[in-house]
Amino acid sequence: MAHRHEVIVVGAGGAGLTAALYAAKEGADVAVVSKLYPTRSHTGAAQGGIGAALGNVEEDHWEWHMFDTVKGGDYLTDQDAAEVFAKEVIEAVIELEHMGLPFDRLPNGKIAQRRFGGHTKEWGKAPVHRAAHAAAPVAQPEPSDPPASLRARRKRSARAPRAASASAPAPAAASRSFSRGTTANTPPRR
């Protein structure tokens, strides 16, 4: 079966879904291709977050963000583009929040921000909390009763054990099950 679309977006993170949404609003026939379910895509799993000078934790300004962007690009960055980016990413984060992106929160309800990478304040003098990060996805609970197909496989293997040979690898000692929603690489929340 062939599918035809005017726009194909690869990736269902915040950027991909936003691009797909805006293309669809303009009337385009859009398809989104992702390895994962959208809520498990990169934006939700990103350790750093989205750099935006929201100033929710400490003083921050778009000019400092622009400076860090240009410096991080080894001063080869298009400075006009860096200025537009540093100014507009603030509203983009707020728009993502309004669309439902689940950001971690501060006790006062504002979007939480953390220090990450080369984000600095006062023109590189000290690190700043600028990375707005999506709330860590919650691991899906494992079903207490395995599916019928797995139960049947277990019964068959229990009835007819395989003979081990010197050349055949030993069977796994235990089966492990991991939920696709685990966040092993996500640092602990404080």
N, C-alpha and C. Protein backbone atom coordinates (compact mmCIF):
# COMPACT_ATOMS: atom_id res chain seq x y z
N MET A 1 0.84 -1.16 0.00
CA MET A 1 0.00 0.00 0.00
C MET A 1 0.90 1.24 0.00
N ALA A 2 0.75 2.11 -0.94
CA ALA A 2 1.54 3.33 -1.04
C ALA A 2 0.79 4.50 -0.42
N HIS A 3 1.54 5.33 0.26
CA HIS A 3 0.98 6.54 0.85
C HIS A 3 1.62 7.74 0.17
N ARG A 4 0.84 8.76 -0.10
CA ARG A 4 1.35 9.98 -0.74
C ARG A 4 0.97 11.17 0.14
N HIS A 5 1.96 12.00 0.42
CA HIS A 5 1.74 13.19 1.23
C HIS A 5 2.53 14.35 0.65
N GLU A 6 2.07 15.55 0.93
CA GLU A 6 2.80 16.74 0.47
C GLU A 6 4.00 17.03 1.36
N VAL A 7 3.88 16.72 2.63
CA VAL A 7 4.95 16.98 3.60
C VAL A 7 5.15 15.73 4.45
N ILE A 8 6.41 15.30 4.56
CA ILE A 8 6.74 14.20 5.45
C ILE A 8 7.73 14.73 6.48
N VAL A 9 7.37 14.62 7.75
CA VAL A 9 8.22 15.08 8.84
C VAL A 9 8.81 13.83 9.49
N VAL A 10 10.14 13.79 9.58
CA VAL A 10 10.82 12.67 10.21
C VAL A 10 11.17 13.10 11.63
N GLY A 11 10.56 12.42 12.60
CA GLY A 11 10.79 12.73 14.00
C GLY A 11 9.57 13.34 14.64
N ALA A 12 9.17 12.79 15.78
CA ALA A 12 7.96 13.27 16.45
C ALA A 12 8.27 13.92 17.78
N GLY A 13 9.44 14.55 17.87
CA GLY A 13 9.76 15.35 19.05
C GLY A 13 9.03 16.69 18.95
N GLY A 14 9.38 17.59 19.82
CA GLY A 14 8.73 18.91 19.84
C GLY A 14 8.86 19.64 18.51
N ALA A 15 10.05 19.62 17.92
CA ALA A 15 10.26 20.33 16.65
C ALA A 15 9.48 19.68 15.50
N GLY A 16 9.54 18.34 15.44
CA GLY A 16 8.84 17.64 14.37
C GLY A 16 7.34 17.82 14.43
N LEU A 17 6.77 17.67 15.62
CA LEU A 17 5.32 17.83 15.75
C LEU A 17 4.88 19.27 15.51
N THR A 18 5.71 20.23 15.92
CA THR A 18 5.39 21.63 15.66
C THR A 18 5.42 21.91 14.16
N ALA A 19 6.44 21.40 13.47
CA ALA A 19 6.52 21.58 12.02
C ALA A 19 5.31 20.96 11.33
N ALA A 20 4.93 19.75 11.77
CA ALA A 20 3.77 19.08 11.18
C ALA A 20 2.50 19.86 11.44
N LEU A 21 2.36 20.38 12.64
CA LEU A 21 1.17 21.16 12.99
C LEU A 21 1.05 22.41 12.12
N TYR A 22 2.14 23.14 11.97
CA TYR A 22 2.09 24.36 11.17
C TYR A 22 1.87 24.06 9.69
N ALA A 23 2.47 23.00 9.19
CA ALA A 23 2.24 22.63 7.79
C ALA A 23 0.77 22.26 7.58
N ALA A 24 0.20 21.51 8.52
CA ALA A 24 -1.21 21.12 8.41
C ALA A 24 -2.13 22.33 8.50
N LYS A 25 -1.78 23.30 9.35
CA LYS A 25 -2.59 24.52 9.47
C LYS A 25 -2.62 25.30 8.16
N GLU A 26 -1.56 25.16 7.37
CA GLU A 26 -1.50 25.84 6.07
C GLU A 26 -2.17 25.02 4.97
N GLY A 27 -2.74 23.87 5.34
CA GLY A 27 -3.49 23.07 4.38
C GLY A 27 -2.74 21.92 3.75
N ALA A 28 -1.51 21.68 4.16
CA ALA A 28 -0.73 20.58 3.58
C ALA A 28 -1.19 19.24 4.13
N ASP A 29 -1.08 18.21 3.31
CA ASP A 29 -1.32 16.83 3.73
C ASP A 29 -0.02 16.34 4.34
N VAL A 30 -0.02 16.08 5.65
CA VAL A 30 1.21 15.82 6.40
C VAL A 30 1.24 14.40 6.96
N ALA A 31 2.43 13.81 6.91
CA ALA A 31 2.68 12.53 7.59
C ALA A 31 3.86 12.73 8.52
N VAL A 32 3.79 12.14 9.71
CA VAL A 32 4.90 12.17 10.66
C VAL A 32 5.42 10.75 10.80
N VAL A 33 6.73 10.58 10.62
CA VAL A 33 7.36 9.29 10.74
C VAL A 33 8.24 9.31 11.98
N SER A 34 8.05 8.32 12.84
CA SER A 34 8.84 8.27 14.07
C SER A 34 9.10 6.83 14.46
N LYS A 35 10.25 6.59 15.06
CA LYS A 35 10.55 5.26 15.58
C LYS A 35 9.73 4.98 16.84
N LEU A 36 9.37 6.03 17.54
CA LEU A 36 8.69 5.90 18.82
C LEU A 36 7.35 6.61 18.81
N TYR A 37 6.52 6.27 19.78
CA TYR A 37 5.28 7.00 19.99
C TYR A 37 5.66 8.44 20.36
N PRO A 38 4.94 9.45 19.88
CA PRO A 38 5.37 10.84 20.09
C PRO A 38 5.71 11.21 21.53
N THR A 39 4.98 10.71 22.51
CA THR A 39 5.30 11.09 23.88
C THR A 39 6.60 10.45 24.38
N ARG A 40 7.15 9.53 23.61
CA ARG A 40 8.42 8.90 23.98
C ARG A 40 9.57 9.43 23.11
N SER A 41 9.28 10.39 22.25
CA SER A 41 10.30 10.89 21.33
C SER A 41 11.29 11.81 22.04
N HIS A 42 12.21 12.33 21.27
CA HIS A 42 13.38 12.97 21.82
C HIS A 42 13.10 14.11 22.80
N THR A 43 12.15 14.96 22.54
CA THR A 43 11.93 16.10 23.42
C THR A 43 11.63 15.64 24.84
N GLY A 44 10.86 14.58 24.97
CA GLY A 44 10.56 14.05 26.30
C GLY A 44 11.73 13.33 26.93
N ALA A 45 12.66 12.85 26.12
CA ALA A 45 13.79 12.11 26.64
C ALA A 45 15.07 12.94 26.72
N ALA A 46 15.03 14.15 26.20
CA ALA A 46 16.24 14.97 26.17
C ALA A 46 16.70 15.31 27.58
N GLN A 47 17.96 15.09 27.83
CA GLN A 47 18.49 15.41 29.15
C GLN A 47 18.71 16.90 29.31
N GLY A 48 19.10 17.58 28.25
CA GLY A 48 19.41 18.99 28.37
C GLY A 48 18.18 19.86 28.43
N GLY A 49 17.32 19.70 27.47
CA GLY A 49 16.13 20.52 27.40
C GLY A 49 16.23 21.53 26.28
N ILE A 50 15.37 22.54 26.34
CA ILE A 50 15.31 23.58 25.31
C ILE A 50 15.86 24.85 25.92
N GLY A 51 16.93 25.38 25.34
CA GLY A 51 17.53 26.61 25.85
C GLY A 51 16.65 27.80 25.52
N ALA A 52 16.19 28.49 26.56
CA ALA A 52 15.39 29.70 26.39
C ALA A 52 15.59 30.58 27.62
N ALA A 53 15.85 31.85 27.40
CA ALA A 53 16.11 32.78 28.49
C ALA A 53 14.80 33.21 29.16
N LEU A 54 14.13 32.24 29.79
CA LEU A 54 12.87 32.52 30.48
C LEU A 54 13.10 33.28 31.78
N GLY A 55 14.23 33.04 32.42
CA GLY A 55 14.52 33.69 33.70
C GLY A 55 13.65 33.20 34.84
N ASN A 56 13.21 31.96 34.79
CA ASN A 56 12.34 31.43 35.84
C ASN A 56 13.08 31.06 37.12
N VAL A 57 14.37 30.78 37.04
CA VAL A 57 15.14 30.37 38.21
C VAL A 57 16.04 31.51 38.68
N GLU A 58 16.62 32.20 37.72
CA GLU A 58 17.51 33.33 38.02
C GLU A 58 17.47 34.29 36.83
N GLU A 59 18.03 35.46 37.03
CA GLU A 59 18.01 36.46 35.96
C GLU A 59 18.65 35.89 34.69
N ASP A 60 18.03 36.15 33.57
CA ASP A 60 18.55 35.71 32.27
C ASP A 60 18.00 36.65 31.21
N HIS A 61 18.72 36.81 30.12
CA HIS A 61 18.32 37.73 29.05
C HIS A 61 18.61 37.09 27.70
N TRP A 62 17.80 37.40 26.70
CA TRP A 62 18.00 36.82 25.38
C TRP A 62 19.37 37.23 24.82
N GLU A 63 19.87 38.40 25.19
CA GLU A 63 21.18 38.85 24.69
C GLU A 63 22.29 37.91 25.16
N TRP A 64 22.19 37.44 26.42
CA TRP A 64 23.19 36.49 26.92
C TRP A 64 23.08 35.16 26.17
N HIS A 65 21.84 34.77 25.87
CA HIS A 65 21.63 33.52 25.12
C HIS A 65 22.22 33.66 23.72
N MET A 66 22.00 34.82 23.09
CA MET A 66 22.56 35.05 21.76
C MET A 66 24.10 34.98 21.82
N PHE A 67 24.69 35.61 22.82
CA PHE A 67 26.14 35.57 22.99
C PHE A 67 26.64 34.13 23.07
N ASP A 68 25.97 33.31 23.90
CA ASP A 68 26.37 31.91 24.05
C ASP A 68 26.23 31.14 22.75
N THR A 69 25.17 31.45 21.98
CA THR A 69 24.94 30.78 20.70
C THR A 69 26.05 31.12 19.71
N VAL A 70 26.42 32.39 19.64
CA VAL A 70 27.49 32.81 18.72
C VAL A 70 28.83 32.24 19.17
N LYS A 71 29.10 32.32 20.46
CA LYS A 71 30.36 31.78 20.98
C LYS A 71 30.43 30.27 20.77
N GLY A 72 29.31 29.58 21.03
CA GLY A 72 29.26 28.13 20.85
C GLY A 72 29.48 27.72 19.40
N GLY A 73 29.18 28.61 18.47
CA GLY A 73 29.41 28.36 17.05
C GLY A 73 30.77 28.84 16.60
N ASP A 74 31.68 29.06 17.56
CA ASP A 74 33.05 29.50 17.28
C ASP A 74 33.06 30.80 16.48
N TYR A 75 32.09 31.65 16.76
CA TYR A 75 31.93 32.97 16.14
C TYR A 75 31.71 32.89 14.63
N LEU A 76 31.33 31.71 14.14
CA LEU A 76 30.98 31.55 12.72
C LEU A 76 29.48 31.60 12.51
N THR A 77 28.71 31.64 13.61
CA THR A 77 27.25 31.65 13.57
C THR A 77 26.75 32.93 12.92
N ASP A 78 25.72 32.80 12.11
CA ASP A 78 25.05 33.98 11.54
C ASP A 78 24.43 34.74 12.72
N GLN A 79 24.96 35.91 13.03
CA GLN A 79 24.55 36.63 14.22
C GLN A 79 23.12 37.16 14.14
N ASP A 80 22.67 37.49 12.94
CA ASP A 80 21.26 37.91 12.80
C ASP A 80 20.34 36.74 13.12
N ALA A 81 20.68 35.54 12.64
CA ALA A 81 19.87 34.36 12.93
C ALA A 81 19.92 34.03 14.42
N ALA A 82 21.09 34.17 15.05
CA ALA A 82 21.21 33.90 16.48
C ALA A 82 20.36 34.87 17.28
N GLU A 83 20.28 36.11 16.85
CA GLU A 83 19.45 37.09 17.55
C GLU A 83 17.97 36.73 17.44
N VAL A 84 17.52 36.40 16.23
CA VAL A 84 16.12 36.01 16.03
C VAL A 84 15.82 34.77 16.88
N PHE A 85 16.71 33.79 16.84
CA PHE A 85 16.51 32.55 17.61
C PHE A 85 16.39 32.85 19.10
N ALA A 86 17.36 33.59 19.65
CA ALA A 86 17.39 33.84 21.10
C ALA A 86 16.15 34.61 21.57
N LYS A 87 15.64 35.49 20.71
CA LYS A 87 14.42 36.24 21.07
C LYS A 87 13.18 35.36 20.95
N GLU A 88 13.07 34.61 19.84
CA GLU A 88 11.83 33.90 19.54
C GLU A 88 11.69 32.57 20.26
N VAL A 89 12.78 31.97 20.73
CA VAL A 89 12.67 30.68 21.41
C VAL A 89 11.90 30.82 22.72
N ILE A 90 11.90 31.99 23.31
CA ILE A 90 11.15 32.21 24.55
C ILE A 90 9.66 31.98 24.30
N GLU A 91 9.12 32.62 23.28
CA GLU A 91 7.71 32.44 22.93
C GLU A 91 7.44 31.02 22.43
N ALA A 92 8.42 30.43 21.75
CA ALA A 92 8.24 29.06 21.26
C ALA A 92 8.07 28.08 22.41
N VAL A 93 8.84 28.25 23.48
CA VAL A 93 8.71 27.36 24.64
C VAL A 93 7.34 27.54 25.28
N ILE A 94 6.90 28.78 25.40
CA ILE A 94 5.57 29.04 25.97
C ILE A 94 4.48 28.44 25.08
N GLU A 95 4.67 28.53 23.78
CA GLU A 95 3.70 27.93 22.86
C GLU A 95 3.67 26.41 23.00
N LEU A 96 4.85 25.79 23.12
CA LEU A 96 4.90 24.34 23.33
C LEU A 96 4.19 23.96 24.63
N GLU A 97 4.37 24.78 25.66
CA GLU A 97 3.68 24.53 26.92
C GLU A 97 2.17 24.59 26.73
N HIS A 98 1.69 25.58 25.99
CA HIS A 98 0.25 25.73 25.75
C HIS A 98 -0.29 24.59 24.90
N MET A 99 0.57 24.00 24.05
CA MET A 99 0.15 22.85 23.24
C MET A 99 0.11 21.57 24.05
N GLY A 100 0.66 21.59 25.25
CA GLY A 100 0.59 20.42 26.11
C GLY A 100 1.90 19.73 26.39
N LEU A 101 3.04 20.27 25.94
CA LEU A 101 4.31 19.64 26.27
C LEU A 101 4.50 19.69 27.78
N PRO A 102 4.69 18.54 28.42
CA PRO A 102 4.75 18.52 29.89
C PRO A 102 6.13 18.89 30.42
N PHE A 103 6.35 20.17 30.70
CA PHE A 103 7.61 20.61 31.28
C PHE A 103 7.62 20.32 32.78
N ASP A 104 8.82 20.06 33.31
CA ASP A 104 8.96 19.99 34.76
C ASP A 104 8.64 21.37 35.32
N ARG A 105 8.19 21.40 36.56
CA ARG A 105 7.73 22.64 37.18
C ARG A 105 8.51 22.97 38.44
N LEU A 106 8.61 24.27 38.69
CA LEU A 106 9.13 24.77 39.95
C LEU A 106 7.98 24.77 40.96
N PRO A 107 8.28 24.88 42.25
CA PRO A 107 7.19 24.93 43.23
C PRO A 107 6.19 26.07 42.99
N ASN A 108 6.64 27.16 42.35
CA ASN A 108 5.72 28.27 42.07
C ASN A 108 4.90 28.05 40.79
N GLY A 109 5.07 26.90 40.13
CA GLY A 109 4.29 26.56 38.95
C GLY A 109 4.93 26.94 37.63
N LYS A 110 6.00 27.71 37.65
CA LYS A 110 6.67 28.09 36.41
C LYS A 110 7.47 26.91 35.86
N ILE A 111 7.83 27.00 34.58
CA ILE A 111 8.64 25.96 33.94
C ILE A 111 10.00 25.90 34.61
N ALA A 112 10.41 24.70 35.02
CA ALA A 112 11.72 24.50 35.64
C ALA A 112 12.82 24.65 34.59
N GLN A 113 13.95 25.16 35.02
CA GLN A 113 15.11 25.28 34.14
C GLN A 113 16.34 24.80 34.90
N ARG A 114 17.31 24.27 34.15
CA ARG A 114 18.54 23.78 34.76
C ARG A 114 19.74 24.30 33.99
N ARG A 115 20.87 24.19 34.63
CA ARG A 115 22.13 24.54 33.95
C ARG A 115 22.45 23.40 32.99
N PHE A 116 22.94 23.77 31.81
CA PHE A 116 23.31 22.73 30.85
C PHE A 116 24.22 23.34 29.80
N GLY A 117 25.23 22.59 29.43
CA GLY A 117 26.11 22.98 28.34
C GLY A 117 26.77 24.32 28.57
N GLY A 118 26.82 25.14 27.54
CA GLY A 118 27.51 26.42 27.58
C GLY A 118 26.61 27.59 27.90
N HIS A 119 25.49 27.35 28.56
CA HIS A 119 24.59 28.46 28.91
C HIS A 119 25.20 29.28 30.05
N THR A 120 25.40 30.58 29.79
CA THR A 120 26.02 31.44 30.79
C THR A 120 25.23 32.73 30.96
N LYS A 121 25.55 33.43 32.05
CA LYS A 121 24.98 34.76 32.28
C LYS A 121 26.10 35.78 32.27
N GLU A 122 25.71 37.03 32.13
CA GLU A 122 26.67 38.15 32.15
C GLU A 122 27.84 37.94 31.19
N TRP A 123 27.50 37.56 29.96
CA TRP A 123 28.46 37.44 28.88
C TRP A 123 29.56 36.43 29.19
N GLY A 124 29.16 35.27 29.73
CA GLY A 124 30.09 34.17 29.95
C GLY A 124 30.73 34.13 31.31
N LYS A 125 30.29 34.95 32.25
CA LYS A 125 30.93 34.99 33.58
C LYS A 125 30.60 33.79 34.46
N ALA A 126 29.38 33.25 34.33
CA ALA A 126 28.98 32.15 35.22
C ALA A 126 27.86 31.35 34.55
N PRO A 127 27.70 30.07 34.94
CA PRO A 127 26.60 29.27 34.39
C PRO A 127 25.24 29.85 34.78
N VAL A 128 24.24 29.57 33.95
CA VAL A 128 22.89 30.05 34.22
C VAL A 128 21.89 28.91 33.99
N HIS A 129 20.79 28.94 34.71
CA HIS A 129 19.71 27.97 34.52
C HIS A 129 18.89 28.43 33.30
N ARG A 130 19.11 27.81 32.14
CA ARG A 130 18.40 28.23 30.92
C ARG A 130 17.68 27.07 30.23
N ALA A 131 18.02 25.84 30.51
CA ALA A 131 17.44 24.69 29.80
C ALA A 131 16.09 24.32 30.41
N ALA A 132 15.03 24.60 29.68
CA ALA A 132 13.68 24.19 30.08
C ALA A 132 13.53 22.74 29.65
N HIS A 133 13.25 21.85 30.59
CA HIS A 133 13.25 20.43 30.27
C HIS A 133 11.87 19.83 30.43
N ALA A 134 11.57 18.93 29.52
CA ALA A 134 10.29 18.23 29.56
C ALA A 134 10.28 17.26 30.73
N ALA A 135 9.12 17.08 31.31
CA ALA A 135 8.99 16.15 32.42
C ALA A 135 9.37 14.76 31.96
N ALA A 136 10.08 14.04 32.81
CA ALA A 136 10.52 12.68 32.47
C ALA A 136 9.30 11.79 32.28
N PRO A 137 9.29 11.00 31.19
CA PRO A 137 8.16 10.09 30.99
C PRO A 137 8.11 9.05 32.10
N VAL A 138 6.92 8.68 32.46
CA VAL A 138 6.73 7.69 33.51
C VAL A 138 6.77 6.31 32.87
N ALA A 139 7.54 5.41 33.48
CA ALA A 139 7.63 4.04 32.96
C ALA A 139 6.26 3.38 33.05
N GLN A 140 5.91 2.67 32.02
CA GLN A 140 4.64 1.95 32.01
C GLN A 140 4.77 0.71 32.88
N PRO A 141 3.80 0.44 33.74
CA PRO A 141 3.91 -0.75 34.58
C PRO A 141 3.87 -2.02 33.73
N GLU A 142 4.63 -2.99 34.15
CA GLU A 142 4.63 -4.27 33.46
C GLU A 142 3.33 -5.00 33.80
N PRO A 143 2.73 -5.68 32.83
CA PRO A 143 1.51 -6.42 33.15
C PRO A 143 1.81 -7.54 34.14
N SER A 144 0.91 -7.76 35.07
CA SER A 144 1.14 -8.81 36.07
C SER A 144 0.95 -10.19 35.46
N ASP A 145 0.17 -10.29 34.41
CA ASP A 145 -0.07 -11.57 33.75
C ASP A 145 0.48 -11.49 32.34
N PRO A 146 1.50 -12.30 32.00
CA PRO A 146 2.06 -12.22 30.65
C PRO A 146 1.03 -12.61 29.60
N PRO A 147 1.21 -12.11 28.38
CA PRO A 147 0.28 -12.46 27.30
C PRO A 147 0.24 -13.96 27.04
N ALA A 148 -0.85 -14.41 26.47
CA ALA A 148 -1.04 -15.85 26.21
C ALA A 148 0.09 -16.43 25.37
N SER A 149 0.57 -15.69 24.37
CA SER A 149 1.63 -16.21 23.51
C SER A 149 2.91 -16.46 24.31
N LEU A 150 3.22 -15.59 25.26
CA LEU A 150 4.41 -15.79 26.08
C LEU A 150 4.21 -16.97 27.02
N ARG A 151 3.02 -17.11 27.59
CA ARG A 151 2.76 -18.25 28.47
C ARG A 151 2.91 -19.56 27.70
N ALA A 152 2.41 -19.60 26.46
CA ALA A 152 2.50 -20.81 25.65
C ALA A 152 3.97 -21.15 25.35
N ARG A 153 4.78 -20.14 25.03
CA ARG A 153 6.20 -20.38 24.76
C ARG A 153 6.89 -20.94 26.00
N ARG A 154 6.57 -20.38 27.15
CA ARG A 154 7.19 -20.85 28.38
C ARG A 154 6.81 -22.31 28.65
N LYS A 155 5.56 -22.67 28.38
CA LYS A 155 5.13 -24.05 28.60
C LYS A 155 5.89 -24.98 27.66
N ARG A 156 6.00 -24.62 26.37
CA ARG A 156 6.71 -25.46 25.41
C ARG A 156 8.17 -25.64 25.81
N SER A 157 8.81 -24.58 26.22
CA SER A 157 10.24 -24.70 26.56
C SER A 157 10.42 -25.49 27.85
N ALA A 158 9.45 -25.45 28.76
CA ALA A 158 9.56 -26.23 30.00
C ALA A 158 9.39 -27.72 29.72
N ARG A 159 8.54 -28.08 28.71
CA ARG A 159 8.30 -29.49 28.40
C ARG A 159 9.45 -30.10 27.63
N ALA A 160 10.07 -29.34 26.75
CA ALA A 160 11.10 -29.92 25.87
C ALA A 160 12.40 -29.12 26.01
N PRO A 161 13.16 -29.40 27.05
CA PRO A 161 14.42 -28.66 27.20
C PRO A 161 15.39 -29.01 26.08
N ARG A 162 16.14 -28.03 25.64
CA ARG A 162 17.12 -28.24 24.58
C ARG A 162 18.39 -28.85 25.15
N ALA A 163 18.97 -29.70 24.36
CA ALA A 163 20.25 -30.28 24.77
C ALA A 163 21.34 -29.26 24.50
N ALA A 164 22.19 -29.05 25.47
CA ALA A 164 23.28 -28.10 25.31
C ALA A 164 24.44 -28.78 24.61
N SER A 165 25.08 -28.08 23.73
CA SER A 165 26.26 -28.62 23.06
C SER A 165 27.41 -27.67 23.31
N ALA A 166 28.60 -28.14 23.06
CA ALA A 166 29.78 -27.31 23.31
C ALA A 166 29.81 -26.09 22.41
N SER A 167 29.25 -26.21 21.20
CA SER A 167 29.30 -25.08 20.27
C SER A 167 28.12 -24.13 20.41
N ALA A 168 27.06 -24.59 21.02
CA ALA A 168 25.87 -23.73 21.15
C ALA A 168 25.98 -22.85 22.37
N PRO A 169 25.58 -21.60 22.26
CA PRO A 169 25.63 -20.73 23.43
C PRO A 169 24.62 -21.18 24.47
N ALA A 170 24.94 -20.95 25.71
CA ALA A 170 24.04 -21.31 26.80
C ALA A 170 22.82 -20.40 26.76
N PRO A 171 21.65 -20.94 27.11
CA PRO A 171 20.46 -20.08 27.12
C PRO A 171 20.60 -19.02 28.21
N ALA A 172 19.88 -17.93 28.02
CA ALA A 172 19.92 -16.84 29.00
C ALA A 172 19.45 -17.36 30.35
N ALA A 173 20.12 -16.92 31.40
CA ALA A 173 19.79 -17.39 32.74
C ALA A 173 18.42 -16.87 33.18
N ALA A 174 18.09 -15.70 32.80
CA ALA A 174 16.80 -15.13 33.19
C ALA A 174 16.34 -14.18 32.09
N SER A 175 15.05 -14.13 31.91
CA SER A 175 14.57 -13.17 30.92
C SER A 175 14.34 -11.84 31.63
N ARG A 176 14.70 -10.76 30.95
CA ARG A 176 14.49 -9.44 31.53
C ARG A 176 13.52 -8.68 30.64
N SER A 177 12.71 -7.89 31.26
CA SER A 177 11.74 -7.11 30.51
C SER A 177 11.94 -5.64 30.84
N PHE A 178 12.07 -4.83 29.83
CA PHE A 178 12.22 -3.40 30.02
C PHE A 178 11.07 -2.69 29.35
N SER A 179 10.52 -1.73 30.03
CA SER A 179 9.46 -0.92 29.44
C SER A 179 10.10 0.08 28.49
N ARG A 180 9.45 0.37 27.37
CA ARG A 180 9.97 1.36 26.43
C ARG A 180 10.01 2.75 27.06
N GLY A 181 9.27 2.95 28.13
CA GLY A 181 9.21 4.27 28.74
C GLY A 181 10.20 4.48 29.86
N THR A 182 11.16 3.59 30.05
CA THR A 182 12.10 3.80 31.13
C THR A 182 12.98 4.99 30.84
N THR A 183 13.48 5.59 31.86
CA THR A 183 14.31 6.78 31.70
C THR A 183 15.63 6.58 32.43
N ALA A 184 16.34 5.52 32.08
CA ALA A 184 17.58 5.20 32.77
C ALA A 184 18.63 6.30 32.64
N ASN A 185 18.62 7.03 31.53
CA ASN A 185 19.63 8.06 31.33
C ASN A 185 19.18 9.43 31.84
N THR A 186 18.01 9.52 32.37
CA THR A 186 17.53 10.79 32.87
C THR A 186 18.08 11.02 34.28
N PRO A 187 18.72 12.15 34.52
CA PRO A 187 19.25 12.38 35.86
C PRO A 187 18.11 12.51 36.87
N PRO A 188 18.38 12.17 38.13
CA PRO A 188 17.33 12.24 39.14
C PRO A 188 16.86 13.68 39.34
N ARG A 189 15.58 13.82 39.60
CA ARG A 189 15.04 15.15 39.87
C ARG A 189 15.40 15.56 41.28
N ARG A 190 15.60 16.85 41.45
CA ARG A 190 15.93 17.38 42.79
C ARG A 190 14.80 18.25 43.28
